[in-house]
Amino acid sequence: MANTLSPLTSHLLPFRMPIPPAGRIVAIDWGEIRLGLALSDEGQVLASPLATLTRRAGKRFPMPAFLDLLQPHQPVGVVVGLPLTPEGEEGPAAFAARELGDLVGRRTGLPVDLTDERMTTARALAGIREQGGSTRGRKQEVDARAAAVLLQGYLDRRRGSST
């Protein structure tokens, strides 16, 4: 089987298999305080917001809460948002996201892929505003929606389309 991992994931455990083409995928929109989560359908066509995990400053990723959220959905893979600079370069946040991807892969045994998360929060905010809503006081919803934007883009690219 050909290795279909992107260059962004080439450093992650090289023996790890690519995410299967069917089954649910969970996405993590990385943030220092809040991590938005989204989930795909079984056919990997549609992404939906799932939840937002919060961690205290300086604390580790809330792995027990993450694993509890995954349990009922039985995902086949995880996509982690890679926060690149506006110029497309990696900084400290991207390094932390890569570490998170590695940790999640080791703890879950699931294949992990990284994908560019630039503009996901802006697109989530725009979506809320387009629906006539206010974003004030909705940080957790915005983070979960940003994860859904991230995952939808990933799914669309995997299918070879861009919507």
N, C-alpha and C. Protein backbone atom coordinates (compact mmCIF):
# COMPACT_ATOMS: atom_id res chain seq x y z
N MET A 1 0.85 -1.18 0.00
CA MET A 1 0.00 0.00 0.00
C MET A 1 0.89 1.23 0.00
N ALA A 2 0.58 2.17 -0.87
CA ALA A 2 1.37 3.40 -0.97
C ALA A 2 1.14 4.28 0.25
N ASN A 3 2.17 4.97 0.65
CA ASN A 3 2.04 5.89 1.78
C ASN A 3 1.41 7.18 1.28
N THR A 4 0.21 7.49 1.78
CA THR A 4 -0.50 8.68 1.33
C THR A 4 -0.46 9.80 2.36
N LEU A 5 0.41 9.69 3.34
CA LEU A 5 0.52 10.76 4.33
C LEU A 5 1.10 12.00 3.66
N SER A 6 0.59 13.14 4.03
CA SER A 6 1.09 14.40 3.47
C SER A 6 2.47 14.70 4.02
N PRO A 7 3.19 15.61 3.36
CA PRO A 7 4.49 16.01 3.90
C PRO A 7 4.37 16.59 5.30
N LEU A 8 3.20 17.15 5.62
CA LEU A 8 3.03 17.72 6.95
C LEU A 8 3.04 16.66 8.04
N THR A 9 2.77 15.40 7.67
CA THR A 9 2.72 14.35 8.67
C THR A 9 3.88 13.39 8.57
N SER A 10 4.81 13.67 7.70
CA SER A 10 5.88 12.70 7.47
C SER A 10 6.72 12.43 8.71
N HIS A 11 6.75 13.35 9.66
CA HIS A 11 7.56 13.14 10.87
C HIS A 11 6.83 12.25 11.88
N LEU A 12 5.53 12.10 11.73
CA LEU A 12 4.76 11.31 12.70
C LEU A 12 5.00 9.83 12.44
N LEU A 13 5.30 9.10 13.45
CA LEU A 13 5.47 7.66 13.40
C LEU A 13 5.35 7.11 11.98
N PRO A 14 6.45 6.91 11.28
CA PRO A 14 6.42 6.57 9.87
C PRO A 14 5.71 5.26 9.57
N PHE A 15 5.55 4.37 10.54
CA PHE A 15 4.89 3.10 10.28
C PHE A 15 3.38 3.23 10.33
N ARG A 16 2.86 4.37 10.72
CA ARG A 16 1.43 4.57 10.87
C ARG A 16 0.75 4.54 9.50
N MET A 17 -0.38 3.88 9.45
CA MET A 17 -1.14 3.77 8.21
C MET A 17 -1.92 5.06 7.95
N PRO A 18 -2.26 5.30 6.68
CA PRO A 18 -3.09 6.47 6.38
C PRO A 18 -4.50 6.28 6.93
N ILE A 19 -5.22 7.36 7.07
CA ILE A 19 -6.62 7.29 7.54
C ILE A 19 -7.43 6.54 6.49
N PRO A 20 -8.19 5.52 6.91
CA PRO A 20 -9.00 4.75 5.96
C PRO A 20 -10.02 5.63 5.24
N PRO A 21 -10.46 5.22 4.04
CA PRO A 21 -11.38 6.02 3.24
C PRO A 21 -12.84 5.95 3.70
N ALA A 22 -13.14 5.15 4.69
CA ALA A 22 -14.51 5.07 5.22
C ALA A 22 -14.44 5.00 6.75
N GLY A 23 -15.47 5.51 7.39
CA GLY A 23 -15.52 5.56 8.84
C GLY A 23 -15.35 7.00 9.31
N ARG A 24 -15.73 7.24 10.53
CA ARG A 24 -15.70 8.60 11.06
C ARG A 24 -14.28 9.09 11.31
N ILE A 25 -14.07 10.37 11.04
CA ILE A 25 -12.81 11.03 11.34
C ILE A 25 -13.11 12.15 12.33
N VAL A 26 -12.28 12.29 13.33
CA VAL A 26 -12.41 13.39 14.28
C VAL A 26 -11.32 14.41 13.96
N ALA A 27 -11.66 15.68 14.08
CA ALA A 27 -10.69 16.75 13.84
C ALA A 27 -10.50 17.56 15.11
N ILE A 28 -9.28 18.04 15.29
CA ILE A 28 -8.94 18.90 16.42
C ILE A 28 -8.43 20.21 15.86
N ASP A 29 -9.12 21.30 16.18
CA ASP A 29 -8.67 22.64 15.83
C ASP A 29 -7.86 23.13 17.02
N TRP A 30 -6.54 23.14 16.88
CA TRP A 30 -5.63 23.41 17.98
C TRP A 30 -5.73 24.83 18.47
N GLY A 31 -5.68 24.98 19.78
CA GLY A 31 -5.61 26.29 20.41
C GLY A 31 -4.91 26.14 21.75
N GLU A 32 -4.31 27.21 22.23
CA GLU A 32 -3.59 27.13 23.50
C GLU A 32 -4.52 26.89 24.68
N ILE A 33 -5.75 27.39 24.59
CA ILE A 33 -6.70 27.23 25.69
C ILE A 33 -7.85 26.31 25.30
N ARG A 34 -8.46 26.57 24.13
CA ARG A 34 -9.59 25.76 23.69
C ARG A 34 -9.22 24.96 22.46
N LEU A 35 -9.74 23.73 22.41
CA LEU A 35 -9.53 22.86 21.27
C LEU A 35 -10.89 22.48 20.73
N GLY A 36 -11.19 22.96 19.52
CA GLY A 36 -12.45 22.61 18.90
C GLY A 36 -12.37 21.22 18.31
N LEU A 37 -13.47 20.48 18.43
CA LEU A 37 -13.53 19.13 17.88
C LEU A 37 -14.68 19.03 16.90
N ALA A 38 -14.47 18.28 15.84
CA ALA A 38 -15.51 18.02 14.85
C ALA A 38 -15.45 16.55 14.48
N LEU A 39 -16.53 16.08 13.88
CA LEU A 39 -16.66 14.67 13.53
C LEU A 39 -17.27 14.55 12.14
N SER A 40 -16.76 13.63 11.36
CA SER A 40 -17.33 13.37 10.04
C SER A 40 -18.40 12.29 10.15
N ASP A 41 -19.17 12.17 9.09
CA ASP A 41 -20.09 11.04 8.98
C ASP A 41 -19.29 9.81 8.56
N GLU A 42 -19.93 8.65 8.55
CA GLU A 42 -19.25 7.39 8.19
C GLU A 42 -18.69 7.41 6.77
N GLY A 43 -19.38 8.10 5.86
CA GLY A 43 -18.93 8.16 4.47
C GLY A 43 -17.88 9.22 4.21
N GLN A 44 -17.49 9.95 5.24
CA GLN A 44 -16.47 11.01 5.15
C GLN A 44 -16.83 12.06 4.12
N VAL A 45 -18.11 12.47 4.14
CA VAL A 45 -18.59 13.50 3.24
C VAL A 45 -18.86 14.81 3.97
N LEU A 46 -19.42 14.72 5.16
CA LEU A 46 -19.88 15.89 5.88
C LEU A 46 -19.26 15.97 7.27
N ALA A 47 -18.77 17.15 7.63
CA ALA A 47 -18.19 17.40 8.96
C ALA A 47 -19.18 18.21 9.79
N SER A 48 -19.27 17.87 11.07
CA SER A 48 -20.14 18.59 11.99
C SER A 48 -19.38 18.92 13.26
N PRO A 49 -19.67 20.08 13.87
CA PRO A 49 -19.05 20.40 15.16
C PRO A 49 -19.40 19.32 16.18
N LEU A 50 -18.46 18.99 17.04
CA LEU A 50 -18.70 17.98 18.07
C LEU A 50 -18.68 18.59 19.47
N ALA A 51 -17.59 19.23 19.83
CA ALA A 51 -17.45 19.77 21.19
C ALA A 51 -16.23 20.67 21.24
N THR A 52 -16.04 21.31 22.37
CA THR A 52 -14.84 22.09 22.62
C THR A 52 -14.27 21.64 23.96
N LEU A 53 -12.99 21.35 23.96
CA LEU A 53 -12.29 21.01 25.20
C LEU A 53 -11.51 22.24 25.64
N THR A 54 -11.48 22.46 26.93
CA THR A 54 -10.75 23.61 27.47
C THR A 54 -9.66 23.09 28.40
N ARG A 55 -8.51 23.71 28.31
CA ARG A 55 -7.44 23.37 29.25
C ARG A 55 -6.96 24.65 29.91
N ARG A 56 -6.53 24.52 31.11
CA ARG A 56 -5.98 25.68 31.83
C ARG A 56 -4.61 26.00 31.26
N ALA A 57 -4.26 27.25 31.32
CA ALA A 57 -2.97 27.72 30.80
C ALA A 57 -1.84 26.90 31.40
N GLY A 58 -0.95 26.44 30.54
CA GLY A 58 0.20 25.68 31.00
C GLY A 58 -0.08 24.22 31.30
N LYS A 59 -1.30 23.79 31.14
CA LYS A 59 -1.66 22.40 31.43
C LYS A 59 -1.62 21.56 30.16
N ARG A 60 -1.60 20.26 30.34
CA ARG A 60 -1.56 19.33 29.22
C ARG A 60 -2.90 19.25 28.51
N PHE A 61 -2.85 18.67 27.32
CA PHE A 61 -4.05 18.37 26.55
C PHE A 61 -4.96 17.50 27.41
N PRO A 62 -6.27 17.79 27.46
CA PRO A 62 -7.19 17.01 28.31
C PRO A 62 -7.52 15.65 27.69
N MET A 63 -6.53 14.76 27.70
CA MET A 63 -6.66 13.46 27.04
C MET A 63 -7.82 12.62 27.57
N PRO A 64 -8.05 12.51 28.89
CA PRO A 64 -9.18 11.69 29.35
C PRO A 64 -10.52 12.17 28.79
N ALA A 65 -10.74 13.48 28.78
CA ALA A 65 -11.99 14.01 28.23
C ALA A 65 -12.08 13.75 26.74
N PHE A 66 -10.96 13.87 26.04
CA PHE A 66 -10.92 13.60 24.60
C PHE A 66 -11.28 12.14 24.32
N LEU A 67 -10.66 11.23 25.05
CA LEU A 67 -10.94 9.80 24.85
C LEU A 67 -12.39 9.47 25.16
N ASP A 68 -12.96 10.09 26.19
CA ASP A 68 -14.37 9.89 26.51
C ASP A 68 -15.27 10.35 25.37
N LEU A 69 -14.93 11.47 24.75
CA LEU A 69 -15.72 11.96 23.62
C LEU A 69 -15.61 11.05 22.41
N LEU A 70 -14.45 10.46 22.19
CA LEU A 70 -14.24 9.57 21.04
C LEU A 70 -15.00 8.25 21.17
N GLN A 71 -15.05 7.74 22.38
CA GLN A 71 -15.58 6.39 22.64
C GLN A 71 -16.86 6.05 21.86
N PRO A 72 -17.93 6.83 21.96
CA PRO A 72 -19.17 6.41 21.28
C PRO A 72 -19.11 6.52 19.76
N HIS A 73 -18.15 7.25 19.22
CA HIS A 73 -18.12 7.49 17.77
C HIS A 73 -17.20 6.54 17.02
N GLN A 74 -16.27 5.91 17.72
CA GLN A 74 -15.35 4.95 17.12
C GLN A 74 -14.70 5.46 15.83
N PRO A 75 -13.98 6.58 15.89
CA PRO A 75 -13.37 7.11 14.67
C PRO A 75 -12.27 6.20 14.14
N VAL A 76 -11.99 6.35 12.84
CA VAL A 76 -10.93 5.57 12.19
C VAL A 76 -9.66 6.38 12.00
N GLY A 77 -9.73 7.68 12.33
CA GLY A 77 -8.56 8.54 12.19
C GLY A 77 -8.80 9.89 12.82
N VAL A 78 -7.71 10.63 12.95
CA VAL A 78 -7.75 11.96 13.57
C VAL A 78 -7.01 12.93 12.66
N VAL A 79 -7.61 14.11 12.48
CA VAL A 79 -6.96 15.19 11.75
C VAL A 79 -6.71 16.31 12.75
N VAL A 80 -5.48 16.79 12.80
CA VAL A 80 -5.11 17.87 13.69
C VAL A 80 -4.78 19.10 12.85
N GLY A 81 -5.37 20.23 13.22
CA GLY A 81 -5.10 21.47 12.51
C GLY A 81 -3.69 21.96 12.80
N LEU A 82 -2.99 22.34 11.75
CA LEU A 82 -1.62 22.83 11.88
C LEU A 82 -1.66 24.35 11.71
N PRO A 83 -1.46 25.11 12.80
CA PRO A 83 -1.54 26.56 12.73
C PRO A 83 -0.29 27.19 12.13
N LEU A 84 -0.33 27.40 10.83
CA LEU A 84 0.78 28.02 10.13
C LEU A 84 0.67 29.54 10.21
N THR A 85 1.77 30.22 9.97
CA THR A 85 1.74 31.68 9.92
C THR A 85 1.02 32.10 8.64
N PRO A 86 0.64 33.37 8.53
CA PRO A 86 0.00 33.82 7.28
C PRO A 86 0.86 33.55 6.04
N GLU A 87 2.17 33.47 6.22
CA GLU A 87 3.08 33.19 5.11
C GLU A 87 3.22 31.70 4.83
N GLY A 88 2.56 30.87 5.62
CA GLY A 88 2.62 29.42 5.41
C GLY A 88 3.78 28.75 6.10
N GLU A 89 4.39 29.44 7.04
CA GLU A 89 5.53 28.87 7.75
C GLU A 89 5.10 28.33 9.11
N GLU A 90 5.94 27.48 9.67
CA GLU A 90 5.67 26.90 10.98
C GLU A 90 6.38 27.69 12.08
N GLY A 91 5.64 27.90 13.16
CA GLY A 91 6.20 28.55 14.33
C GLY A 91 5.96 27.68 15.55
N PRO A 92 6.03 28.25 16.74
CA PRO A 92 5.84 27.49 17.96
C PRO A 92 4.47 26.80 18.05
N ALA A 93 3.42 27.45 17.57
CA ALA A 93 2.09 26.84 17.62
C ALA A 93 2.02 25.60 16.74
N ALA A 94 2.66 25.64 15.58
CA ALA A 94 2.68 24.47 14.69
C ALA A 94 3.45 23.32 15.34
N PHE A 95 4.55 23.66 16.01
CA PHE A 95 5.32 22.64 16.71
C PHE A 95 4.45 21.97 17.78
N ALA A 96 3.70 22.79 18.54
CA ALA A 96 2.82 22.24 19.58
C ALA A 96 1.72 21.38 18.97
N ALA A 97 1.20 21.77 17.82
CA ALA A 97 0.16 20.97 17.15
C ALA A 97 0.75 19.64 16.68
N ARG A 98 1.97 19.66 16.18
CA ARG A 98 2.62 18.41 15.77
C ARG A 98 2.80 17.47 16.98
N GLU A 99 3.21 18.05 18.11
CA GLU A 99 3.36 17.25 19.33
C GLU A 99 2.01 16.66 19.74
N LEU A 100 0.95 17.47 19.63
CA LEU A 100 -0.39 16.98 19.96
C LEU A 100 -0.77 15.83 19.04
N GLY A 101 -0.52 15.97 17.75
CA GLY A 101 -0.82 14.89 16.81
C GLY A 101 -0.09 13.60 17.17
N ASP A 102 1.17 13.73 17.53
CA ASP A 102 1.95 12.56 17.92
C ASP A 102 1.36 11.92 19.18
N LEU A 103 1.03 12.75 20.18
CA LEU A 103 0.45 12.25 21.42
C LEU A 103 -0.89 11.54 21.16
N VAL A 104 -1.76 12.17 20.39
CA VAL A 104 -3.06 11.57 20.10
C VAL A 104 -2.89 10.25 19.37
N GLY A 105 -1.97 10.21 18.42
CA GLY A 105 -1.72 8.96 17.69
C GLY A 105 -1.25 7.84 18.59
N ARG A 106 -0.32 8.18 19.49
CA ARG A 106 0.19 7.16 20.42
C ARG A 106 -0.88 6.68 21.38
N ARG A 107 -1.68 7.60 21.92
CA ARG A 107 -2.68 7.24 22.93
C ARG A 107 -3.90 6.53 22.33
N THR A 108 -4.28 6.88 21.11
CA THR A 108 -5.48 6.27 20.52
C THR A 108 -5.16 5.09 19.61
N GLY A 109 -3.94 5.02 19.10
CA GLY A 109 -3.60 4.00 18.12
C GLY A 109 -4.19 4.28 16.75
N LEU A 110 -4.75 5.47 16.57
CA LEU A 110 -5.37 5.83 15.30
C LEU A 110 -4.38 6.56 14.40
N PRO A 111 -4.56 6.43 13.08
CA PRO A 111 -3.73 7.24 12.19
C PRO A 111 -4.07 8.72 12.35
N VAL A 112 -3.05 9.55 12.25
CA VAL A 112 -3.20 10.99 12.43
C VAL A 112 -2.67 11.69 11.18
N ASP A 113 -3.37 12.71 10.75
CA ASP A 113 -2.90 13.55 9.66
C ASP A 113 -2.97 14.99 10.13
N LEU A 114 -2.08 15.81 9.64
CA LEU A 114 -2.08 17.24 9.96
C LEU A 114 -2.51 18.00 8.71
N THR A 115 -3.26 19.08 8.92
CA THR A 115 -3.68 19.89 7.79
C THR A 115 -3.68 21.36 8.19
N ASP A 116 -3.40 22.19 7.23
CA ASP A 116 -3.33 23.64 7.42
C ASP A 116 -4.66 24.16 7.98
N GLU A 117 -4.60 24.86 9.11
CA GLU A 117 -5.83 25.37 9.70
C GLU A 117 -5.98 26.88 9.57
N ARG A 118 -5.16 27.50 8.73
CA ARG A 118 -5.29 28.95 8.57
C ARG A 118 -6.70 29.31 8.11
N MET A 119 -7.24 30.34 8.71
CA MET A 119 -8.52 30.94 8.35
C MET A 119 -9.74 30.12 8.80
N THR A 120 -9.57 29.01 9.51
CA THR A 120 -10.73 28.23 9.93
C THR A 120 -11.60 29.01 10.91
N THR A 121 -10.99 29.69 11.86
CA THR A 121 -11.78 30.46 12.82
C THR A 121 -12.48 31.62 12.13
N ALA A 122 -11.78 32.29 11.23
CA ALA A 122 -12.41 33.40 10.50
C ALA A 122 -13.60 32.90 9.68
N ARG A 123 -13.47 31.75 9.07
CA ARG A 123 -14.58 31.20 8.29
C ARG A 123 -15.74 30.76 9.18
N ALA A 124 -15.43 30.24 10.36
CA ALA A 124 -16.49 29.87 11.30
C ALA A 124 -17.23 31.11 11.78
N LEU A 125 -16.50 32.16 12.10
CA LEU A 125 -17.12 33.42 12.52
C LEU A 125 -17.99 34.00 11.41
N ALA A 126 -17.50 33.97 10.19
CA ALA A 126 -18.27 34.49 9.06
C ALA A 126 -19.55 33.69 8.87
N GLY A 127 -19.48 32.37 9.07
CA GLY A 127 -20.67 31.52 8.94
C GLY A 127 -21.73 31.88 9.97
N ILE A 128 -21.32 32.15 11.18
CA ILE A 128 -22.27 32.53 12.23
C ILE A 128 -22.91 33.87 11.88
N ARG A 129 -22.10 34.80 11.43
CA ARG A 129 -22.62 36.13 11.06
C ARG A 129 -23.56 36.05 9.87
N GLU A 130 -23.23 35.20 8.88
CA GLU A 130 -24.09 35.03 7.70
C GLU A 130 -25.47 34.51 8.08
N GLN A 131 -25.53 33.76 9.16
CA GLN A 131 -26.81 33.22 9.62
C GLN A 131 -27.52 34.22 10.53
N GLY A 132 -26.97 35.43 10.63
CA GLY A 132 -27.60 36.45 11.43
C GLY A 132 -27.31 36.36 12.91
N GLY A 133 -26.33 35.57 13.29
CA GLY A 133 -26.01 35.39 14.71
C GLY A 133 -24.88 36.29 15.16
N SER A 134 -24.77 36.40 16.45
CA SER A 134 -23.69 37.15 17.06
C SER A 134 -22.65 36.15 17.56
N THR A 135 -21.40 36.54 17.49
CA THR A 135 -20.34 35.66 17.99
C THR A 135 -19.96 35.99 19.42
N ARG A 136 -20.55 37.01 19.97
CA ARG A 136 -20.24 37.44 21.34
C ARG A 136 -20.63 36.34 22.33
N GLY A 137 -19.66 35.95 23.17
CA GLY A 137 -19.93 34.95 24.20
C GLY A 137 -20.08 33.53 23.66
N ARG A 138 -19.64 33.28 22.44
CA ARG A 138 -19.82 31.96 21.83
C ARG A 138 -18.48 31.33 21.43
N LYS A 139 -17.45 31.58 22.22
CA LYS A 139 -16.11 31.11 21.87
C LYS A 139 -16.05 29.61 21.68
N GLN A 140 -16.71 28.86 22.57
CA GLN A 140 -16.67 27.40 22.45
C GLN A 140 -17.36 26.92 21.18
N GLU A 141 -18.49 27.52 20.85
CA GLU A 141 -19.20 27.14 19.62
C GLU A 141 -18.34 27.49 18.41
N VAL A 142 -17.70 28.64 18.44
CA VAL A 142 -16.85 29.05 17.33
C VAL A 142 -15.71 28.06 17.14
N ASP A 143 -15.09 27.61 18.23
CA ASP A 143 -13.98 26.66 18.13
C ASP A 143 -14.43 25.32 17.54
N ALA A 144 -15.58 24.83 17.94
CA ALA A 144 -16.10 23.57 17.38
C ALA A 144 -16.45 23.75 15.90
N ARG A 145 -17.00 24.91 15.56
CA ARG A 145 -17.32 25.19 14.15
C ARG A 145 -16.03 25.31 13.33
N ALA A 146 -15.00 25.91 13.91
CA ALA A 146 -13.72 26.02 13.21
C ALA A 146 -13.16 24.62 12.94
N ALA A 147 -13.31 23.71 13.88
CA ALA A 147 -12.87 22.33 13.67
C ALA A 147 -13.67 21.69 12.54
N ALA A 148 -14.96 22.00 12.44
CA ALA A 148 -15.79 21.47 11.36
C ALA A 148 -15.34 22.04 10.01
N VAL A 149 -14.99 23.32 9.97
CA VAL A 149 -14.48 23.93 8.74
C VAL A 149 -13.18 23.24 8.34
N LEU A 150 -12.31 23.03 9.31
CA LEU A 150 -11.04 22.35 9.07
C LEU A 150 -11.27 20.95 8.51
N LEU A 151 -12.15 20.20 9.16
CA LEU A 151 -12.41 18.82 8.74
C LEU A 151 -13.10 18.78 7.38
N GLN A 152 -14.04 19.70 7.13
CA GLN A 152 -14.73 19.70 5.84
C GLN A 152 -13.74 19.94 4.70
N GLY A 153 -12.82 20.88 4.91
CA GLY A 153 -11.80 21.12 3.90
C GLY A 153 -10.93 19.90 3.66
N TYR A 154 -10.58 19.22 4.73
CA TYR A 154 -9.78 18.00 4.63
C TYR A 154 -10.54 16.93 3.85
N LEU A 155 -11.82 16.73 4.19
CA LEU A 155 -12.63 15.72 3.51
C LEU A 155 -12.77 16.06 2.03
N ASP A 156 -13.02 17.32 1.73
CA ASP A 156 -13.17 17.73 0.33
C ASP A 156 -11.88 17.48 -0.46
N ARG A 157 -10.74 17.80 0.13
CA ARG A 157 -9.47 17.55 -0.55
C ARG A 157 -9.24 16.06 -0.77
N ARG A 158 -9.60 15.25 0.20
CA ARG A 158 -9.44 13.79 0.05
C ARG A 158 -10.30 13.25 -1.09
N ARG A 159 -11.46 13.83 -1.27
CA ARG A 159 -12.34 13.38 -2.36
C ARG A 159 -11.94 14.01 -3.68
N GLY A 160 -10.98 14.94 -3.65
CA GLY A 160 -10.53 15.56 -4.88
C GLY A 160 -11.41 16.69 -5.36
N SER A 161 -12.24 17.23 -4.45
CA SER A 161 -13.08 18.35 -4.83
C SER A 161 -12.77 19.51 -3.93
N SER A 162 -13.17 20.70 -4.33
CA SER A 162 -13.02 21.86 -3.46
C SER A 162 -14.32 22.65 -3.52
N THR A 163 -15.04 22.60 -2.40
CA THR A 163 -16.31 23.31 -2.35
C THR A 163 -16.20 24.50 -1.45
